[in-house]
N, C-alpha and C. Protein backbone atom coordinates (compact mmCIF):
# COMPACT_ATOMS: atom_id res chain seq x y z
N MET A 1 2.89 -11.59 -15.96
CA MET A 1 2.30 -10.80 -17.03
C MET A 1 3.35 -10.47 -18.08
N ARG A 2 4.56 -10.07 -17.64
CA ARG A 2 5.62 -9.73 -18.59
C ARG A 2 6.01 -10.94 -19.43
N LEU A 3 6.03 -12.11 -18.78
CA LEU A 3 6.40 -13.33 -19.49
C LEU A 3 5.37 -13.63 -20.59
N LYS A 4 4.10 -13.49 -20.26
CA LYS A 4 3.06 -13.75 -21.25
C LYS A 4 3.15 -12.75 -22.41
N PHE A 5 3.37 -11.48 -22.09
CA PHE A 5 3.48 -10.45 -23.12
C PHE A 5 4.68 -10.73 -24.02
N GLY A 6 5.80 -11.07 -23.42
CA GLY A 6 7.00 -11.39 -24.20
C GLY A 6 6.81 -12.62 -25.05
N LEU A 7 6.10 -13.59 -24.52
CA LEU A 7 5.83 -14.81 -25.27
C LEU A 7 4.95 -14.51 -26.48
N VAL A 8 3.92 -13.70 -26.30
CA VAL A 8 3.04 -13.34 -27.40
C VAL A 8 3.80 -12.56 -28.47
N ILE A 9 4.61 -11.60 -28.04
CA ILE A 9 5.39 -10.82 -28.99
C ILE A 9 6.38 -11.71 -29.72
N GLY A 10 7.06 -12.58 -29.00
CA GLY A 10 8.01 -13.50 -29.63
C GLY A 10 7.34 -14.41 -30.63
N PHE A 11 6.17 -14.93 -30.29
CA PHE A 11 5.42 -15.78 -31.21
C PHE A 11 5.03 -15.01 -32.45
N ALA A 12 4.55 -13.78 -32.26
CA ALA A 12 4.11 -12.98 -33.41
C ALA A 12 5.28 -12.67 -34.34
N VAL A 13 6.42 -12.29 -33.76
CA VAL A 13 7.59 -11.98 -34.59
C VAL A 13 8.08 -13.24 -35.30
N GLY A 14 8.12 -14.34 -34.59
CA GLY A 14 8.55 -15.60 -35.20
C GLY A 14 7.63 -16.02 -36.33
N TYR A 15 6.34 -15.89 -36.10
CA TYR A 15 5.39 -16.25 -37.15
C TYR A 15 5.55 -15.32 -38.34
N LEU A 16 5.72 -14.04 -38.08
CA LEU A 16 5.87 -13.07 -39.15
C LEU A 16 7.11 -13.37 -39.98
N MET A 17 8.22 -13.63 -39.32
CA MET A 17 9.46 -13.88 -40.04
C MET A 17 9.47 -15.25 -40.73
N GLY A 18 8.87 -16.23 -40.12
CA GLY A 18 8.94 -17.58 -40.66
C GLY A 18 7.73 -18.00 -41.47
N SER A 19 6.79 -17.14 -41.61
CA SER A 19 5.55 -17.50 -42.28
C SER A 19 5.77 -17.75 -43.77
N LYS A 20 5.10 -18.77 -44.24
CA LYS A 20 5.15 -19.07 -45.67
C LYS A 20 3.78 -18.82 -46.28
N ALA A 21 2.99 -18.00 -45.61
CA ALA A 21 1.62 -17.76 -46.05
C ALA A 21 1.54 -16.78 -47.21
N GLY A 22 2.62 -16.13 -47.53
CA GLY A 22 2.62 -15.25 -48.69
C GLY A 22 2.38 -13.80 -48.35
N ARG A 23 2.38 -12.99 -49.38
CA ARG A 23 2.29 -11.54 -49.24
C ARG A 23 0.96 -11.09 -48.64
N TYR A 24 -0.12 -11.77 -49.00
CA TYR A 24 -1.44 -11.38 -48.49
C TYR A 24 -1.48 -11.49 -46.97
N ARG A 25 -0.99 -12.59 -46.43
CA ARG A 25 -1.00 -12.79 -44.98
C ARG A 25 -0.05 -11.79 -44.31
N TYR A 26 1.10 -11.54 -44.94
CA TYR A 26 2.04 -10.56 -44.42
C TYR A 26 1.38 -9.19 -44.31
N ASP A 27 0.66 -8.80 -45.36
CA ASP A 27 -0.03 -7.51 -45.34
C ASP A 27 -1.09 -7.46 -44.24
N GLN A 28 -1.79 -8.57 -44.02
CA GLN A 28 -2.78 -8.63 -42.94
C GLN A 28 -2.12 -8.43 -41.59
N ILE A 29 -1.02 -9.11 -41.38
CA ILE A 29 -0.32 -9.02 -40.10
C ILE A 29 0.20 -7.61 -39.88
N MET A 30 0.80 -7.01 -40.90
CA MET A 30 1.34 -5.66 -40.75
C MET A 30 0.23 -4.64 -40.50
N LYS A 31 -0.92 -4.83 -41.12
CA LYS A 31 -2.06 -3.94 -40.89
C LYS A 31 -2.52 -4.05 -39.43
N ALA A 32 -2.60 -5.28 -38.92
CA ALA A 32 -3.01 -5.49 -37.52
C ALA A 32 -1.99 -4.88 -36.56
N LEU A 33 -0.70 -5.07 -36.85
CA LEU A 33 0.33 -4.50 -35.98
C LEU A 33 0.29 -2.97 -36.02
N GLY A 34 -0.03 -2.41 -37.18
CA GLY A 34 -0.16 -0.95 -37.28
C GLY A 34 -1.29 -0.43 -36.42
N LYS A 35 -2.42 -1.15 -36.42
CA LYS A 35 -3.55 -0.75 -35.58
C LYS A 35 -3.19 -0.85 -34.10
N ILE A 36 -2.50 -1.91 -33.74
CA ILE A 36 -2.09 -2.08 -32.35
C ILE A 36 -1.14 -0.96 -31.95
N GLY A 37 -0.20 -0.63 -32.82
CA GLY A 37 0.77 0.42 -32.52
C GLY A 37 0.15 1.79 -32.39
N GLN A 38 -0.98 2.02 -33.05
CA GLN A 38 -1.64 3.32 -32.99
C GLN A 38 -2.69 3.39 -31.88
N SER A 39 -2.90 2.28 -31.16
CA SER A 39 -3.90 2.28 -30.10
C SER A 39 -3.44 3.16 -28.94
N GLU A 40 -4.39 3.59 -28.15
CA GLU A 40 -4.09 4.47 -27.02
C GLU A 40 -3.17 3.82 -25.98
N PRO A 41 -3.40 2.56 -25.59
CA PRO A 41 -2.48 1.94 -24.62
C PRO A 41 -1.05 1.84 -25.15
N ALA A 42 -0.91 1.55 -26.43
CA ALA A 42 0.44 1.45 -27.01
C ALA A 42 1.10 2.82 -27.03
N GLN A 43 0.36 3.85 -27.33
CA GLN A 43 0.92 5.19 -27.34
C GLN A 43 1.34 5.62 -25.95
N LYS A 44 0.52 5.28 -24.94
CA LYS A 44 0.89 5.61 -23.55
C LYS A 44 2.15 4.87 -23.14
N ALA A 45 2.24 3.59 -23.50
CA ALA A 45 3.42 2.81 -23.17
C ALA A 45 4.66 3.38 -23.87
N ARG A 46 4.50 3.81 -25.10
CA ARG A 46 5.61 4.40 -25.85
C ARG A 46 6.07 5.70 -25.18
N GLU A 47 5.11 6.52 -24.75
CA GLU A 47 5.46 7.78 -24.09
C GLU A 47 6.18 7.52 -22.77
N GLU A 48 5.70 6.56 -21.99
CA GLU A 48 6.35 6.22 -20.72
C GLU A 48 7.77 5.71 -20.97
N ALA A 49 7.93 4.86 -21.97
CA ALA A 49 9.26 4.34 -22.28
C ALA A 49 10.20 5.46 -22.70
N MET A 50 9.70 6.38 -23.51
CA MET A 50 10.54 7.50 -23.96
C MET A 50 10.92 8.39 -22.78
N LYS A 51 9.98 8.58 -21.84
CA LYS A 51 10.27 9.38 -20.66
C LYS A 51 11.37 8.72 -19.82
N LEU A 52 11.28 7.40 -19.64
CA LEU A 52 12.30 6.69 -18.88
C LEU A 52 13.65 6.75 -19.56
N VAL A 53 13.66 6.62 -20.88
CA VAL A 53 14.92 6.69 -21.62
C VAL A 53 15.52 8.09 -21.50
N ASP A 54 14.69 9.12 -21.62
CA ASP A 54 15.19 10.49 -21.50
C ASP A 54 15.77 10.75 -20.11
N GLU A 55 15.09 10.25 -19.07
CA GLU A 55 15.60 10.42 -17.71
C GLU A 55 16.93 9.69 -17.53
N ALA A 56 17.04 8.49 -18.09
CA ALA A 56 18.28 7.74 -17.98
C ALA A 56 19.41 8.45 -18.73
N LYS A 57 19.12 8.97 -19.91
CA LYS A 57 20.13 9.70 -20.67
C LYS A 57 20.60 10.93 -19.90
N GLN A 58 19.64 11.64 -19.31
CA GLN A 58 19.99 12.83 -18.54
C GLN A 58 20.87 12.45 -17.35
N GLY A 59 20.53 11.36 -16.70
CA GLY A 59 21.33 10.90 -15.57
C GLY A 59 22.75 10.53 -15.98
N PHE A 60 22.90 9.88 -17.11
CA PHE A 60 24.23 9.53 -17.59
C PHE A 60 25.02 10.76 -17.99
N ARG A 61 24.35 11.72 -18.59
CA ARG A 61 25.04 12.94 -19.01
C ARG A 61 25.53 13.74 -17.80
N ASN A 62 24.69 13.82 -16.78
CA ASN A 62 25.03 14.61 -15.60
C ASN A 62 25.97 13.88 -14.65
N GLY A 63 26.10 12.61 -14.82
CA GLY A 63 26.90 11.83 -13.89
C GLY A 63 26.11 11.61 -12.62
N SER A 64 26.72 10.97 -11.68
CA SER A 64 26.04 10.69 -10.43
C SER A 64 26.00 11.96 -9.59
N ARG A 65 24.81 12.41 -9.29
CA ARG A 65 24.67 13.64 -8.50
C ARG A 65 24.15 13.36 -7.10
N ASP A 66 23.99 12.09 -6.77
CA ASP A 66 23.52 11.80 -5.42
C ASP A 66 24.70 11.89 -4.47
N ASP A 67 24.42 12.07 -3.21
CA ASP A 67 25.46 12.26 -2.20
C ASP A 67 25.64 11.02 -1.34
N ILE A 68 25.50 9.88 -1.94
CA ILE A 68 25.67 8.65 -1.18
C ILE A 68 27.14 8.52 -0.79
N GLY A 69 27.38 8.39 0.47
CA GLY A 69 28.74 8.25 0.97
C GLY A 69 29.52 9.54 1.05
N ALA A 70 28.90 10.68 0.82
CA ALA A 70 29.62 11.95 0.85
C ALA A 70 30.04 12.35 2.27
N ASP A 71 29.32 11.86 3.27
CA ASP A 71 29.64 12.25 4.63
C ASP A 71 30.66 11.34 5.30
N THR A 72 31.13 10.32 4.61
CA THR A 72 32.13 9.42 5.18
C THR A 72 33.43 9.56 4.42
N SER A 73 34.51 9.44 5.14
CA SER A 73 35.80 9.51 4.49
C SER A 73 36.15 8.15 3.90
N VAL A 74 37.00 8.16 2.93
CA VAL A 74 37.42 6.92 2.30
C VAL A 74 38.60 6.39 3.06
N ARG A 75 38.52 5.15 3.46
CA ARG A 75 39.61 4.53 4.22
C ARG A 75 40.10 3.29 3.48
N ALA A 76 41.39 3.13 3.48
CA ALA A 76 41.97 1.93 2.89
C ALA A 76 41.84 0.78 3.89
N VAL A 77 41.58 -0.37 3.38
CA VAL A 77 41.45 -1.55 4.22
C VAL A 77 42.73 -2.35 4.09
N THR A 78 43.34 -2.66 5.26
CA THR A 78 44.55 -3.48 5.24
C THR A 78 44.22 -4.85 5.81
N LEU A 79 44.82 -5.84 5.25
CA LEU A 79 44.60 -7.20 5.71
C LEU A 79 45.67 -7.55 6.73
N PRO A 80 45.34 -8.34 7.77
CA PRO A 80 46.32 -8.69 8.80
C PRO A 80 47.41 -9.60 8.27
């Protein structure tokens, strides 16, 4: 599903950038993209993405707060 979505988006961007159809067609495409961007599924996806970005930023700001390996001591490994 992700591959198909990426392919469609890539095709649309490529067509938009490389189109020689003129200003009228460009305006049509931008109007359609605006409608898609304002649709409810797109808004939900945008909100989810922003939530994930905010969580990642918070995690980076706070540093690693998990206790993975906290109960084991650090030992140097020597080779024979």
